[in-house]
Amino acid sequence: MINKSAAKESVSDVAIGLTISFPVAFVVLYLTGEWGFSITATALTQTIVFTFLALLRKYCIRIFFMRNG
């Protein structure tokens, strides 16, 4: 059986992540281009930014679903 609560949380997490990551990718790419970063530095910067945002997003969503059942 599928746990409906876990499925709802997972779908919400992915939808919010997609909504956040698309514009953030443009901002990071624009800034690293303006600053003259190499491809490696750009990739590393994106990895750090997306990892931080993913951890923050997941934490907030988990807290929300814990409080709201």
PDB file of N, CA and C in Angstrom:
ATOM      1  N   MET A   1       0.824  -1.195   0.000  1.00  0.00           N
ATOM      2  CA  MET A   1       0.000   0.000   0.000  1.00  0.00           C
ATOM      3  C   MET A   1       0.865   1.255   0.000  1.00  0.00           C
ATOM      4  N   ILE A   2       0.370   2.267  -0.660  1.00  0.00           N
ATOM      5  CA  ILE A   2       1.063   3.550  -0.703  1.00  0.00           C
ATOM      6  C   ILE A   2       0.636   4.394   0.491  1.00  0.00           C
ATOM      7  N   ASN A   3       1.620   4.964   1.153  1.00  0.00           N
ATOM      8  CA  ASN A   3       1.351   5.879   2.257  1.00  0.00           C
ATOM      9  C   ASN A   3       0.976   7.227   1.640  1.00  0.00           C
ATOM     10  N   LYS A   4      -0.300   7.576   1.717  1.00  0.00           N
ATOM     11  CA  LYS A   4      -0.792   8.790   1.055  1.00  0.00           C
ATOM     12  C   LYS A   4      -0.156  10.058   1.622  1.00  0.00           C
ATOM     13  N   SER A   5       0.082  10.074   2.903  1.00  0.00           N
ATOM     14  CA  SER A   5       0.698  11.235   3.528  1.00  0.00           C
ATOM     15  C   SER A   5       2.124  11.435   3.011  1.00  0.00           C
ATOM     16  N   ALA A   6       2.883  10.347   2.936  1.00  0.00           N
ATOM     17  CA  ALA A   6       4.257  10.430   2.441  1.00  0.00           C
ATOM     18  C   ALA A   6       4.274  10.808   0.960  1.00  0.00           C
ATOM     19  N   ALA A   7       3.331  10.279   0.191  1.00  0.00           N
ATOM     20  CA  ALA A   7       3.248  10.617  -1.230  1.00  0.00           C
ATOM     21  C   ALA A   7       2.912  12.095  -1.416  1.00  0.00           C
ATOM     22  N   LYS A   8       1.983  12.606  -0.617  1.00  0.00           N
ATOM     23  CA  LYS A   8       1.617  14.021  -0.703  1.00  0.00           C
ATOM     24  C   LYS A   8       2.815  14.908  -0.365  1.00  0.00           C
ATOM     25  N   GLU A   9       3.553  14.540   0.669  1.00  0.00           N
ATOM     26  CA  GLU A   9       4.743  15.311   1.049  1.00  0.00           C
ATOM     27  C   GLU A   9       5.800  15.260  -0.054  1.00  0.00           C
ATOM     28  N   SER A  10       6.008  14.097  -0.639  1.00  0.00           N
ATOM     29  CA  SER A  10       7.006  13.947  -1.696  1.00  0.00           C
ATOM     30  C   SER A  10       6.656  14.768  -2.934  1.00  0.00           C
ATOM     31  N   VAL A  11       5.401  14.706  -3.352  1.00  0.00           N
ATOM     32  CA  VAL A  11       4.971  15.470  -4.521  1.00  0.00           C
ATOM     33  C   VAL A  11       5.090  16.967  -4.245  1.00  0.00           C
ATOM     34  N   SER A  12       4.694  17.386  -3.047  1.00  0.00           N
ATOM     35  CA  SER A  12       4.814  18.799  -2.676  1.00  0.00           C
ATOM     36  C   SER A  12       6.269  19.241  -2.697  1.00  0.00           C
ATOM     37  N   ASP A  13       7.153  18.419  -2.161  1.00  0.00           N
ATOM     38  CA  ASP A  13       8.571  18.749  -2.112  1.00  0.00           C
ATOM     39  C   ASP A  13       9.148  18.913  -3.515  1.00  0.00           C
ATOM     40  N   VAL A  14       8.819  17.991  -4.403  1.00  0.00           N
ATOM     41  CA  VAL A  14       9.331  18.058  -5.767  1.00  0.00           C
ATOM     42  C   VAL A  14       8.770  19.276  -6.505  1.00  0.00           C
ATOM     43  N   ALA A  15       7.476  19.535  -6.341  1.00  0.00           N
ATOM     44  CA  ALA A  15       6.856  20.685  -7.018  1.00  0.00           C
ATOM     45  C   ALA A  15       7.458  22.009  -6.539  1.00  0.00           C
ATOM     46  N   ILE A  16       7.643  22.137  -5.246  1.00  0.00           N
ATOM     47  CA  ILE A  16       8.248  23.358  -4.703  1.00  0.00           C
ATOM     48  C   ILE A  16       9.704  23.462  -5.153  1.00  0.00           C
ATOM     49  N   GLY A  17      10.414  22.342  -5.151  1.00  0.00           N
ATOM     50  CA  GLY A  17      11.809  22.340  -5.596  1.00  0.00           C
ATOM     51  C   GLY A  17      11.948  22.777  -7.043  1.00  0.00           C
ATOM     52  N   LEU A  18      11.074  22.289  -7.901  1.00  0.00           N
ATOM     53  CA  LEU A  18      11.115  22.684  -9.312  1.00  0.00           C
ATOM     54  C   LEU A  18      10.816  24.166  -9.468  1.00  0.00           C
ATOM     55  N   THR A  19       9.824  24.639  -8.733  1.00  0.00           N
ATOM     56  CA  THR A  19       9.436  26.046  -8.802  1.00  0.00           C
ATOM     57  C   THR A  19      10.568  26.963  -8.342  1.00  0.00           C
ATOM     58  N   ILE A  20      11.299  26.536  -7.341  1.00  0.00           N
ATOM     59  CA  ILE A  20      12.403  27.335  -6.811  1.00  0.00           C
ATOM     60  C   ILE A  20      13.652  27.219  -7.699  1.00  0.00           C
ATOM     61  N   SER A  21      13.969  26.015  -8.131  1.00  0.00           N
ATOM     62  CA  SER A  21      15.249  25.790  -8.799  1.00  0.00           C
ATOM     63  C   SER A  21      15.349  26.435 -10.180  1.00  0.00           C
ATOM     64  N   PHE A  22      14.250  26.514 -10.897  1.00  0.00           N
ATOM     65  CA  PHE A  22      14.312  27.070 -12.250  1.00  0.00           C
ATOM     66  C   PHE A  22      14.789  28.523 -12.247  1.00  0.00           C
ATOM     67  N   PRO A  23      14.148  29.426 -11.480  1.00  0.00           N
ATOM     68  CA  PRO A  23      14.651  30.803 -11.470  1.00  0.00           C
ATOM     69  C   PRO A  23      16.018  30.945 -10.794  1.00  0.00           C
ATOM     70  N   VAL A  24      16.284  30.131  -9.787  1.00  0.00           N
ATOM     71  CA  VAL A  24      17.588  30.204  -9.108  1.00  0.00           C
ATOM     72  C   VAL A  24      18.705  29.834 -10.082  1.00  0.00           C
ATOM     73  N   ALA A  25      18.457  28.863 -10.951  1.00  0.00           N
ATOM     74  CA  ALA A  25      19.461  28.466 -11.940  1.00  0.00           C
ATOM     75  C   ALA A  25      19.828  29.647 -12.834  1.00  0.00           C
ATOM     76  N   PHE A  26      18.824  30.400 -13.278  1.00  0.00           N
ATOM     77  CA  PHE A  26      19.099  31.573 -14.108  1.00  0.00           C
ATOM     78  C   PHE A  26      19.919  32.613 -13.355  1.00  0.00           C
ATOM     79  N   VAL A  27      19.566  32.848 -12.106  1.00  0.00           N
ATOM     80  CA  VAL A  27      20.289  33.840 -11.310  1.00  0.00           C
ATOM     81  C   VAL A  27      21.741  33.413 -11.108  1.00  0.00           C
ATOM     82  N   VAL A  28      21.943  32.173 -10.734  1.00  0.00           N
ATOM     83  CA  VAL A  28      23.305  31.687 -10.496  1.00  0.00           C
ATOM     84  C   VAL A  28      24.118  31.734 -11.788  1.00  0.00           C
ATOM     85  N   LEU A  29      23.526  31.284 -12.888  1.00  0.00           N
ATOM     86  CA  LEU A  29      24.249  31.318 -14.163  1.00  0.00           C
ATOM     87  C   LEU A  29      24.564  32.745 -14.589  1.00  0.00           C
ATOM     88  N   TYR A  30      23.621  33.648 -14.405  1.00  0.00           N
ATOM     89  CA  TYR A  30      23.862  35.049 -14.764  1.00  0.00           C
ATOM     90  C   TYR A  30      25.002  35.636 -13.925  1.00  0.00           C
ATOM     91  N   LEU A  31      24.920  35.446 -12.602  1.00  0.00           N
ATOM     92  CA  LEU A  31      25.929  36.018 -11.715  1.00  0.00           C
ATOM     93  C   LEU A  31      27.314  35.437 -11.969  1.00  0.00           C
ATOM     94  N   THR A  32      27.392  34.121 -12.117  1.00  0.00           N
ATOM     95  CA  THR A  32      28.708  33.518 -12.347  1.00  0.00           C
ATOM     96  C   THR A  32      29.268  33.940 -13.706  1.00  0.00           C
ATOM     97  N   GLY A  33      28.387  34.168 -14.680  1.00  0.00           N
ATOM     98  CA  GLY A  33      28.845  34.687 -15.975  1.00  0.00           C
ATOM     99  C   GLY A  33      29.366  36.108 -15.853  1.00  0.00           C
ATOM    100  N   GLU A  34      28.639  36.935 -15.113  1.00  0.00           N
ATOM    101  CA  GLU A  34      29.062  38.325 -14.891  1.00  0.00           C
ATOM    102  C   GLU A  34      30.389  38.392 -14.144  1.00  0.00           C
ATOM    103  N   TRP A  35      30.573  37.487 -13.223  1.00  0.00           N
ATOM    104  CA  TRP A  35      31.784  37.486 -12.417  1.00  0.00           C
ATOM    105  C   TRP A  35      32.949  36.771 -13.102  1.00  0.00           C
ATOM    106  N   GLY A  36      32.697  36.209 -14.270  1.00  0.00           N
ATOM    107  CA  GLY A  36      33.751  35.558 -15.041  1.00  0.00           C
ATOM    108  C   GLY A  36      34.203  34.218 -14.501  1.00  0.00           C
ATOM    109  N   PHE A  37      33.315  33.495 -13.840  1.00  0.00           N
ATOM    110  CA  PHE A  37      33.666  32.181 -13.294  1.00  0.00           C
ATOM    111  C   PHE A  37      33.939  31.203 -14.436  1.00  0.00           C
ATOM    112  N   SER A  38      34.811  30.251 -14.180  1.00  0.00           N
ATOM    113  CA  SER A  38      35.036  29.158 -15.126  1.00  0.00           C
ATOM    114  C   SER A  38      33.849  28.201 -15.069  1.00  0.00           C
ATOM    115  N   ILE A  39      33.812  27.258 -15.993  1.00  0.00           N
ATOM    116  CA  ILE A  39      32.727  26.265 -15.989  1.00  0.00           C
ATOM    117  C   ILE A  39      32.763  25.447 -14.701  1.00  0.00           C
ATOM    118  N   THR A  40      33.946  25.096 -14.253  1.00  0.00           N
ATOM    119  CA  THR A  40      34.086  24.319 -13.021  1.00  0.00           C
ATOM    120  C   THR A  40      33.595  25.117 -11.812  1.00  0.00           C
ATOM    121  N   ALA A  41      33.983  26.378 -11.736  1.00  0.00           N
ATOM    122  CA  ALA A  41      33.548  27.221 -10.621  1.00  0.00           C
ATOM    123  C   ALA A  41      32.035  27.447 -10.659  1.00  0.00           C
ATOM    124  N   THR A  42      31.480  27.591 -11.860  1.00  0.00           N
ATOM    125  CA  THR A  42      30.031  27.744 -12.000  1.00  0.00           C
ATOM    126  C   THR A  42      29.316  26.488 -11.521  1.00  0.00           C
ATOM    127  N   ALA A  43      29.806  25.328 -11.934  1.00  0.00           N
ATOM    128  CA  ALA A  43      29.200  24.062 -11.514  1.00  0.00           C
ATOM    129  C   ALA A  43      29.276  23.892  -9.999  1.00  0.00           C
ATOM    130  N   LEU A  44      30.409  24.230  -9.429  1.00  0.00           N
ATOM    131  CA  LEU A  44      30.570  24.129  -7.976  1.00  0.00           C
ATOM    132  C   LEU A  44      29.637  25.100  -7.252  1.00  0.00           C
ATOM    133  N   THR A  45      29.527  26.313  -7.762  1.00  0.00           N
ATOM    134  CA  THR A  45      28.635  27.308  -7.161  1.00  0.00           C
ATOM    135  C   THR A  45      27.190  26.837  -7.216  1.00  0.00           C
ATOM    136  N   GLN A  46      26.767  26.320  -8.370  1.00  0.00           N
ATOM    137  CA  GLN A  46      25.399  25.812  -8.489  1.00  0.00           C
ATOM    138  C   GLN A  46      25.160  24.653  -7.528  1.00  0.00           C
ATOM    139  N   THR A  47      26.132  23.766  -7.427  1.00  0.00           N
ATOM    140  CA  THR A  47      25.988  22.624  -6.519  1.00  0.00           C
ATOM    141  C   THR A  47      25.813  23.082  -5.086  1.00  0.00           C
ATOM    142  N   ILE A  48      26.606  24.028  -4.661  1.00  0.00           N
ATOM    143  CA  ILE A  48      26.513  24.545  -3.287  1.00  0.00           C
ATOM    144  C   ILE A  48      25.169  25.234  -3.061  1.00  0.00           C
ATOM    145  N   VAL A  49      24.762  26.097  -3.985  1.00  0.00           N
ATOM    146  CA  VAL A  49      23.499  26.829  -3.841  1.00  0.00           C
ATOM    147  C   VAL A  49      22.315  25.862  -3.812  1.00  0.00           C
ATOM    148  N   PHE A  50      22.275  24.924  -4.764  1.00  0.00           N
ATOM    149  CA  PHE A  50      21.149  23.990  -4.817  1.00  0.00           C
ATOM    150  C   PHE A  50      21.122  23.043  -3.615  1.00  0.00           C
ATOM    151  N   THR A  51      22.276  22.642  -3.129  1.00  0.00           N
ATOM    152  CA  THR A  51      22.324  21.777  -1.946  1.00  0.00           C
ATOM    153  C   THR A  51      21.787  22.515  -0.724  1.00  0.00           C
ATOM    154  N   PHE A  52      22.239  23.752  -0.534  1.00  0.00           N
ATOM    155  CA  PHE A  52      21.752  24.550   0.587  1.00  0.00           C
ATOM    156  C   PHE A  52      20.239  24.752   0.496  1.00  0.00           C
ATOM    157  N   LEU A  53      19.757  25.126  -0.678  1.00  0.00           N
ATOM    158  CA  LEU A  53      18.320  25.353  -0.843  1.00  0.00           C
ATOM    159  C   LEU A  53      17.515  24.069  -0.663  1.00  0.00           C
ATOM    160  N   ALA A  54      18.044  22.947  -1.136  1.00  0.00           N
ATOM    161  CA  ALA A  54      17.344  21.666  -0.979  1.00  0.00           C
ATOM    162  C   ALA A  54      17.231  21.270   0.495  1.00  0.00           C
ATOM    163  N   LEU A  55      18.313  21.455   1.241  1.00  0.00           N
ATOM    164  CA  LEU A  55      18.269  21.130   2.673  1.00  0.00           C
ATOM    165  C   LEU A  55      17.282  22.033   3.413  1.00  0.00           C
ATOM    166  N   LEU A  56      17.329  23.311   3.112  1.00  0.00           N
ATOM    167  CA  LEU A  56      16.411  24.250   3.741  1.00  0.00           C
ATOM    168  C   LEU A  56      14.961  23.945   3.366  1.00  0.00           C
ATOM    169  N   ARG A  57      14.714  23.710   2.072  1.00  0.00           N
ATOM    170  CA  ARG A  57      13.368  23.403   1.596  1.00  0.00           C
ATOM    171  C   ARG A  57      12.829  22.126   2.251  1.00  0.00           C
ATOM    172  N   LYS A  58      13.627  21.089   2.251  1.00  0.00           N
ATOM    173  CA  LYS A  58      13.188  19.807   2.813  1.00  0.00           C
ATOM    174  C   LYS A  58      12.900  19.936   4.300  1.00  0.00           C
ATOM    175  N   TYR A  59      13.742  20.660   5.013  1.00  0.00           N
ATOM    176  CA  TYR A  59      13.521  20.866   6.446  1.00  0.00           C
ATOM    177  C   TYR A  59      12.188  21.584   6.676  1.00  0.00           C
ATOM    178  N   CYS A  60      11.956  22.656   5.941  1.00  0.00           N
ATOM    179  CA  CYS A  60      10.715  23.433   6.113  1.00  0.00           C
ATOM    180  C   CYS A  60       9.480  22.616   5.756  1.00  0.00           C
ATOM    181  N   ILE A  61       9.557  21.847   4.686  1.00  0.00           N
ATOM    182  CA  ILE A  61       8.412  21.027   4.283  1.00  0.00           C
ATOM    183  C   ILE A  61       8.152  19.930   5.300  1.00  0.00           C
ATOM    184  N   ARG A  62       9.218  19.320   5.810  1.00  0.00           N
ATOM    185  CA  ARG A  62       9.054  18.261   6.814  1.00  0.00           C
ATOM    186  C   ARG A  62       8.402  18.820   8.082  1.00  0.00           C
ATOM    187  N   ILE A  63       8.853  19.985   8.528  1.00  0.00           N
ATOM    188  CA  ILE A  63       8.257  20.622   9.710  1.00  0.00           C
ATOM    189  C   ILE A  63       6.799  20.939   9.449  1.00  0.00           C
ATOM    190  N   PHE A  64       6.483  21.482   8.265  1.00  0.00           N
ATOM    191  CA  PHE A  64       5.096  21.811   7.919  1.00  0.00           C
ATOM    192  C   PHE A  64       4.215  20.567   7.989  1.00  0.00           C
ATOM    193  N   PHE A  65       4.650  19.455   7.390  1.00  0.00           N
ATOM    194  CA  PHE A  65       3.831  18.248   7.384  1.00  0.00           C
ATOM    195  C   PHE A  65       3.758  17.594   8.760  1.00  0.00           C
ATOM    196  N   MET A  66       4.774  17.742   9.565  1.00  0.00           N
ATOM    197  CA  MET A  66       4.711  17.214  10.936  1.00  0.00           C
ATOM    198  C   MET A  66       3.666  17.965  11.752  1.00  0.00           C
ATOM    199  N   ARG A  67       3.612  19.282  11.591  1.00  0.00           N
ATOM    200  CA  ARG A  67       2.663  20.108  12.346  1.00  0.00           C
ATOM    201  C   ARG A  67       1.237  19.976  11.838  1.00  0.00           C
ATOM    202  N   ASN A  68       1.079  19.736  10.539  1.00  0.00           N
ATOM    203  CA  ASN A  68      -0.250  19.738   9.938  1.00  0.00           C
ATOM    204  C   ASN A  68      -0.751  18.345   9.566  1.00  0.00           C
ATOM    205  N   GLY A  69      -0.077  17.350  10.049  1.00  0.00           N
ATOM    206  CA  GLY A  69      -0.530  15.986   9.846  1.00  0.00           C
ATOM    207  C   GLY A  69      -0.517  15.573   8.419  1.00  0.00           C
TER     208      GLY A  69
END
